[in-house]
């Protein structure tokens, strides 16, 4: 009788173990445990103020700013996971060999393994610089026909950049690149800031990430003022020279190459220009002296310098005109 009871008890235990085993097999078959390795996960800093309060900044060491992460978990979670789901942070409260902590949604910490567990950093002096924001058109962007860009002004016109001294001291200029394609009237456009170093190269993404600005983002507003085109402006060079030719000679024909140009300007400036006869008068200058000359003289003139306020040469028009003063014998 006792033996029979023991056999029954053993069978019950055995049945329970088999049931548990079957249950585990079913669970693992339906959603098995799997392991995945994600490489080159970027590391970001936390608790940066711990370093910054001493007037310094922490920087990642080039080539040692990423980690590999080994994740173990249910297949249903792992298969839907990507590098974007993984967050790796370095805690700057321990600024020698900084420990890296990784979090993965849906995965317990004990099932996440990071390599390396610590990353090296460098500490630099913090420096700030004030920069005027220049403006520049993007590539070949152009407004609608009969218009050209007259003035562009960034808002704000100046920014303060703060970052590691090695990066900040190498900044040359800040430019807002604005696209004006299709514009038919003056207005505002968004423009992305591009920062150039002293070699006229754009700062790398890593260098940009080390900088902070006194504006919310690196996108700014640029006010674009469109100017109308005025065609067929005559160059008047009749009195563009000084002096008299050699005795027995006289001034003949005076010509300009080109004879006509196109200009752009604000409506008010162009109106004043047309009232004056729609011509650009080249004034006399000591640089164009024909005193004692007995042969033709040629002089180059910078047209851009002669244009009044709010007027510019149209695109494609050369800045320089060639003035030829013909000198002939008397009664020739």
Foldseek 3Di string as FASTA:
>chain_A
DVVVVVVVVVVVVVVVVVVVVVVVVVVCVVWNKDKDKAWFQFEEEDPQVLQPVVQKGKAADPPQGGKMKMAIDTPVQVVPDDSVQKYWYWYCVPQAFTAIQIDGPPGDRVRMDIPPRTGHIDMAGKDKDKAFEAEEEPDPAAEDPQKGWQDKAWVVRMKMKMFGPVLVVFWDHKYWYFHRHHDPAWDKTKTAIFIAGPVRDTDDPSSVVRMDIPDPHRITIMTTHMWGKDWFAFEACPAAEDAAEAPQKHWDDKDKVVGIFMKTFHPVLVVVCVVVPSYQYRHYDHQHYRHHHQAKDKDKDQQQVRRDPGMGGDPPDDRIMIMITGMGGPPD
